[in-house]
Amino acid sequence: MWRWNSTVALLQVDNVTKQFAGLTAVHSVSFEIGVGEILALIGPNGAGKTTLFDLITGMTSPTHGEIRLNGRRVTGLDPYQISRLGIGRTFQIPRPFGSLTVRENVEVGALAVGMSPVQAQTHAHQVLQQVNLEEMAELPAGNLTLIAKKRLEIARALSVKPHLILLDEVLAGLRAAEMEQALTLIQTINREQGIAVLFVEHVIKAVMAIAQRIVVLDHGQKIADGTPVQVARDPEVIAAYLGQEDKSA
């Protein structure tokens, strides 16, 4: 049962390290996300961003450190337990159940967090309306276009009625107009439902457009944490990441 604790941050990542056979993917990373906040996690490829998502959602356990949701320690819990506590997640490569319908994909998540079949069906209908997929509800998920699959990923993250959603490069592969639609959707979810957002993204213009705060990783370590303006002016961030973006533009 979720009991709200207004005295602590929604998510606390405290001195978290993850090692794989001697390779340190994440090293002593700490940050917090407040209730209803939109926080971007950026950095070069291999910086440890997706590994950090895996740690927060219980897909792997930290070598050292602790993660807390609403003050409760979730380190070591299984992914389904963390999901039930209020964290939804998308994946960089969409992972729908291709043979199930769009509606059934969302219902699976709702059922996994304890809703009855009737509740799951009602909730799936509401979520699909929200992400503009209601007209595709009975189509096989495997037949969707890329933009529709990205929307379904967000719908599946919302299916667990989260307090926090983790979005892993939901803009990757989208055209400019599709990116605008996706950003509007994320902001609407945040504003109308109060759901906090932690998102990984390489499109810096998009990050600057919607992030209230940015955490920057490089070689598994946090090198900056601040507002978009503060991070954009940070010499270490420019050297490690934003300078690369300028050269490739």
Protein backbone atom coordinates (compact mmCIF):
# COMPACT_ATOMS: atom_id res chain seq x y z
CA MET A 1 0.00 0.00 0.00
CA TRP A 2 1.37 3.41 -1.04
CA ARG A 3 1.60 5.82 1.88
CA TRP A 4 2.60 9.31 0.88
CA ASN A 5 5.56 10.84 2.71
CA SER A 6 5.75 14.54 1.91
CA THR A 7 9.03 14.97 3.80
CA VAL A 8 11.21 13.03 1.33
CA ALA A 9 11.97 13.11 -2.38
CA LEU A 10 9.96 10.83 -4.64
CA LEU A 11 13.07 8.97 -5.80
CA GLN A 12 16.46 8.96 -4.10
CA VAL A 13 19.52 7.40 -5.70
CA ASP A 14 22.23 7.32 -3.06
CA ASN A 15 25.88 6.61 -3.92
CA VAL A 16 24.96 3.84 -6.37
CA THR A 17 27.68 1.79 -8.07
CA LYS A 18 27.28 -1.10 -10.54
CA GLN A 19 30.17 -3.31 -11.60
CA PHE A 20 30.12 -6.04 -14.23
CA ALA A 21 33.07 -8.44 -13.99
CA GLY A 22 35.44 -5.66 -13.01
CA LEU A 23 33.94 -3.05 -15.34
CA THR A 24 32.32 -0.16 -13.49
CA ALA A 25 29.24 0.94 -15.47
CA VAL A 26 27.93 3.33 -12.79
CA HIS A 27 30.18 4.82 -10.12
CA SER A 28 28.92 6.45 -6.91
CA VAL A 29 25.97 8.24 -8.53
CA SER A 30 23.56 10.20 -6.33
CA PHE A 31 20.56 12.35 -7.25
CA GLU A 32 16.91 12.91 -6.32
CA ILE A 33 13.66 13.46 -8.20
CA GLY A 34 10.94 15.53 -6.63
CA VAL A 35 7.21 14.90 -6.90
CA GLY A 36 5.96 15.86 -10.36
CA GLU A 37 9.42 16.85 -11.59
CA ILE A 38 10.74 16.33 -15.14
CA LEU A 39 14.40 15.35 -14.97
CA ALA A 40 16.60 14.50 -17.96
CA LEU A 41 19.52 12.08 -17.77
CA ILE A 42 22.05 12.76 -20.51
CA GLY A 43 25.58 11.77 -21.47
CA PRO A 44 27.64 10.12 -24.20
CA ASN A 45 26.93 6.57 -25.34
CA GLY A 46 28.17 4.15 -22.70
CA ALA A 47 27.87 6.70 -19.90
CA GLY A 48 25.72 4.34 -17.81
CA LYS A 49 22.26 5.82 -18.42
CA THR A 50 20.38 2.64 -19.30
CA THR A 51 22.23 0.72 -16.59
CA LEU A 52 20.97 3.29 -14.11
CA PHE A 53 17.41 2.72 -15.39
CA ASP A 54 17.91 -1.03 -14.88
CA LEU A 55 19.06 -0.39 -11.31
CA ILE A 56 16.09 1.84 -10.47
CA THR A 57 13.57 -0.65 -11.88
CA GLY A 58 15.12 -3.73 -10.29
CA MET A 59 16.29 -5.41 -13.49
CA THR A 60 19.73 -5.54 -11.91
CA SER A 61 20.98 -4.81 -8.40
CA PRO A 62 23.64 -2.27 -7.45
CA THR A 63 27.04 -3.44 -6.27
CA HIS A 64 26.97 -0.64 -3.72
CA GLY A 65 24.53 2.06 -2.73
CA GLU A 66 20.82 2.36 -2.15
CA ILE A 67 17.69 3.41 -4.03
CA ARG A 68 14.55 4.62 -2.26
CA LEU A 69 11.07 5.38 -3.57
CA ASN A 70 9.02 7.70 -1.36
CA GLY A 71 11.45 6.96 1.45
CA ARG A 72 11.14 3.20 1.10
CA ARG A 73 14.24 1.17 0.24
CA VAL A 74 13.63 -0.68 -3.03
CA THR A 75 17.18 -1.94 -3.58
CA GLY A 76 17.03 -5.69 -4.19
CA LEU A 77 13.30 -5.86 -4.95
CA ASP A 78 12.11 -7.64 -8.08
CA PRO A 79 10.94 -5.53 -11.05
CA TYR A 80 7.27 -6.45 -10.52
CA GLN A 81 7.48 -5.33 -6.88
CA ILE A 82 9.01 -1.99 -7.83
CA SER A 83 6.39 -1.57 -10.56
CA ARG A 84 3.62 -2.10 -8.02
CA LEU A 85 5.14 0.60 -5.83
CA GLY A 86 4.70 3.14 -8.60
CA ILE A 87 7.44 3.07 -11.27
CA GLY A 88 6.69 2.55 -14.96
CA ARG A 89 9.32 2.23 -17.67
CA THR A 90 9.81 2.23 -21.43
CA PHE A 91 12.68 0.59 -23.31
CA GLN A 92 14.99 2.08 -25.91
CA ILE A 93 13.87 -0.58 -28.40
CA PRO A 94 10.07 -1.04 -28.11
CA ARG A 95 9.20 -4.42 -26.61
CA PRO A 96 5.47 -5.00 -27.12
CA PHE A 97 3.91 -8.44 -27.07
CA GLY A 98 3.63 -8.53 -30.84
CA SER A 99 0.91 -11.18 -31.07
CA LEU A 100 -1.33 -9.42 -28.54
CA THR A 101 -3.51 -6.48 -29.42
CA VAL A 102 -2.58 -2.96 -28.40
CA ARG A 103 -5.30 -3.06 -25.74
CA GLU A 104 -4.12 -6.40 -24.38
CA ASN A 105 -0.55 -5.08 -24.08
CA VAL A 106 -1.78 -2.35 -21.74
CA GLU A 107 -4.08 -4.69 -19.83
CA VAL A 108 -1.14 -7.00 -19.06
CA GLY A 109 0.56 -4.22 -17.10
CA ALA A 110 -2.63 -3.33 -15.26
CA LEU A 111 -3.22 -6.96 -14.29
CA ALA A 112 0.39 -7.30 -13.12
CA VAL A 113 -0.12 -4.60 -10.48
CA GLY A 114 -3.25 -6.23 -9.08
CA MET A 115 -6.18 -4.81 -11.03
CA SER A 116 -9.14 -7.06 -11.74
CA PRO A 117 -9.86 -7.93 -15.40
CA VAL A 118 -12.69 -5.38 -15.48
CA GLN A 119 -10.52 -2.69 -13.89
CA ALA A 120 -7.67 -3.50 -16.28
CA GLN A 121 -9.95 -3.18 -19.29
CA THR A 122 -11.30 0.18 -18.13
CA HIS A 123 -7.84 1.49 -17.30
CA ALA A 124 -6.44 0.33 -20.66
CA HIS A 125 -9.20 2.21 -22.47
CA GLN A 126 -8.39 5.41 -20.55
CA VAL A 127 -4.65 5.10 -21.17
CA LEU A 128 -5.06 4.42 -24.89
CA GLN A 129 -7.25 7.49 -25.19
CA GLN A 130 -4.58 9.53 -23.44
CA VAL A 131 -1.80 8.45 -25.83
CA ASN A 132 -4.06 8.64 -28.90
CA LEU A 133 -4.06 4.92 -29.67
CA GLU A 134 -7.71 4.12 -29.00
CA GLU A 135 -8.44 3.63 -32.72
CA MET A 136 -5.66 1.02 -32.88
CA ALA A 137 -6.74 -0.83 -29.73
CA GLU A 138 -7.62 -4.09 -31.48
CA LEU A 139 -4.66 -4.18 -33.87
CA PRO A 140 -1.79 -6.61 -33.24
CA ALA A 141 0.96 -4.63 -31.53
CA GLY A 142 3.55 -6.10 -33.86
CA ASN A 143 1.92 -4.36 -36.83
CA LEU A 144 2.29 -0.81 -35.50
CA THR A 145 4.47 1.91 -37.00
CA LEU A 146 7.49 3.12 -35.02
CA ILE A 147 5.72 6.21 -33.66
CA ALA A 148 2.73 4.08 -32.62
CA LYS A 149 5.03 1.56 -30.93
CA LYS A 150 6.68 4.43 -29.03
CA ARG A 151 3.24 5.58 -27.88
CA LEU A 152 2.42 2.03 -26.86
CA GLU A 153 5.62 1.91 -24.80
CA ILE A 154 4.42 5.00 -22.93
CA ALA A 155 0.97 3.46 -22.55
CA ARG A 156 2.48 0.31 -21.07
CA ALA A 157 4.49 2.43 -18.63
CA LEU A 158 1.27 4.21 -17.63
CA SER A 159 -0.62 0.94 -17.26
CA VAL A 160 0.78 0.44 -13.74
CA LYS A 161 -0.61 3.79 -12.51
CA PRO A 162 2.90 5.10 -11.76
CA HIS A 163 4.06 8.02 -9.68
CA LEU A 164 7.24 8.05 -11.78
CA ILE A 165 7.89 7.00 -15.39
CA LEU A 166 11.31 6.29 -16.86
CA LEU A 167 11.49 7.02 -20.59
CA ASP A 168 14.48 5.58 -22.46
CA GLU A 169 15.02 7.48 -25.74
CA VAL A 170 11.35 7.63 -26.73
CA LEU A 171 12.23 10.20 -29.42
CA ALA A 172 14.83 8.04 -31.19
CA GLY A 173 14.01 7.48 -34.84
CA LEU A 174 11.13 9.97 -34.94
CA ARG A 175 10.72 12.81 -37.42
CA ALA A 176 10.56 16.41 -36.19
CA ALA A 177 6.75 16.59 -36.17
CA GLU A 178 6.53 13.23 -34.37
CA MET A 179 9.03 14.45 -31.77
CA GLU A 180 6.86 17.49 -31.10
CA GLN A 181 3.84 15.26 -30.59
CA ALA A 182 5.77 12.99 -28.21
CA LEU A 183 7.08 15.94 -26.17
CA THR A 184 3.58 17.39 -25.90
CA LEU A 185 2.31 14.01 -24.69
CA ILE A 186 5.03 13.78 -22.02
CA GLN A 187 4.31 17.29 -20.77
CA THR A 188 0.55 16.60 -20.70
CA ILE A 189 1.04 13.42 -18.66
CA ASN A 190 3.25 15.32 -16.24
CA ARG A 191 0.98 18.35 -15.94
CA GLU A 192 -2.44 16.68 -15.81
CA GLN A 193 -1.57 13.60 -13.75
CA GLY A 194 1.33 14.87 -11.68
CA ILE A 195 3.51 11.96 -12.78
CA ALA A 196 7.22 12.61 -12.40
CA VAL A 197 9.37 11.91 -15.46
CA LEU A 198 12.97 10.71 -15.68
CA PHE A 199 14.02 10.52 -19.30
CA VAL A 200 17.13 9.62 -21.27
CA GLU A 201 17.48 11.51 -24.53
CA HIS A 202 20.19 12.48 -27.03
CA VAL A 203 18.15 15.19 -28.76
CA ILE A 204 19.47 18.14 -26.78
CA LYS A 205 16.89 20.61 -28.09
CA ALA A 206 14.15 18.34 -26.73
CA VAL A 207 15.93 18.02 -23.39
CA MET A 208 16.25 21.79 -23.06
CA ALA A 209 12.61 22.25 -24.05
CA ILE A 210 10.95 20.19 -21.31
CA ALA A 211 13.49 19.27 -18.60
CA GLN A 212 13.26 21.19 -15.33
CA ARG A 213 16.59 19.73 -14.24
CA ILE A 214 19.35 17.74 -15.92
CA VAL A 215 21.76 15.14 -14.56
CA VAL A 216 24.81 14.46 -16.74
CA LEU A 217 26.77 11.20 -16.69
CA ASP A 218 30.17 10.53 -18.21
CA HIS A 219 31.99 7.20 -17.91
CA GLY A 220 29.51 6.14 -15.24
CA GLN A 221 30.01 9.19 -13.03
CA LYS A 222 27.78 12.18 -12.43
CA ILE A 223 29.54 15.32 -13.65
CA ALA A 224 26.67 17.81 -13.39
CA ASP A 225 23.23 18.30 -11.85
CA GLY A 226 21.30 21.50 -12.39
CA THR A 227 18.87 23.50 -14.47
CA PRO A 228 19.18 23.40 -18.29
CA VAL A 229 20.87 26.82 -18.26
CA GLN A 230 23.37 25.77 -15.59
CA VAL A 231 24.23 22.51 -17.33
CA ALA A 232 24.58 24.15 -20.77
CA ARG A 233 27.19 26.53 -19.32
CA ASP A 234 29.15 23.90 -17.39
CA PRO A 235 32.67 23.58 -18.91
CA GLU A 236 32.98 19.90 -17.94
CA VAL A 237 29.65 19.06 -19.61
CA ILE A 238 30.62 20.98 -22.74
CA ALA A 239 33.92 19.12 -22.93
CA ALA A 240 32.43 15.68 -22.28
CA TYR A 241 29.17 15.86 -24.20
CA LEU A 242 27.69 19.11 -25.48
CA GLY A 243 30.85 19.93 -27.42
CA GLN A 244 30.40 16.66 -29.30
CA GLU A 245 26.82 17.65 -30.10
CA ASP A 246 28.00 20.99 -31.55
CA LYS A 247 30.54 19.29 -33.78
CA SER A 248 28.01 16.82 -35.14
CA ALA A 249 25.33 19.45 -35.79
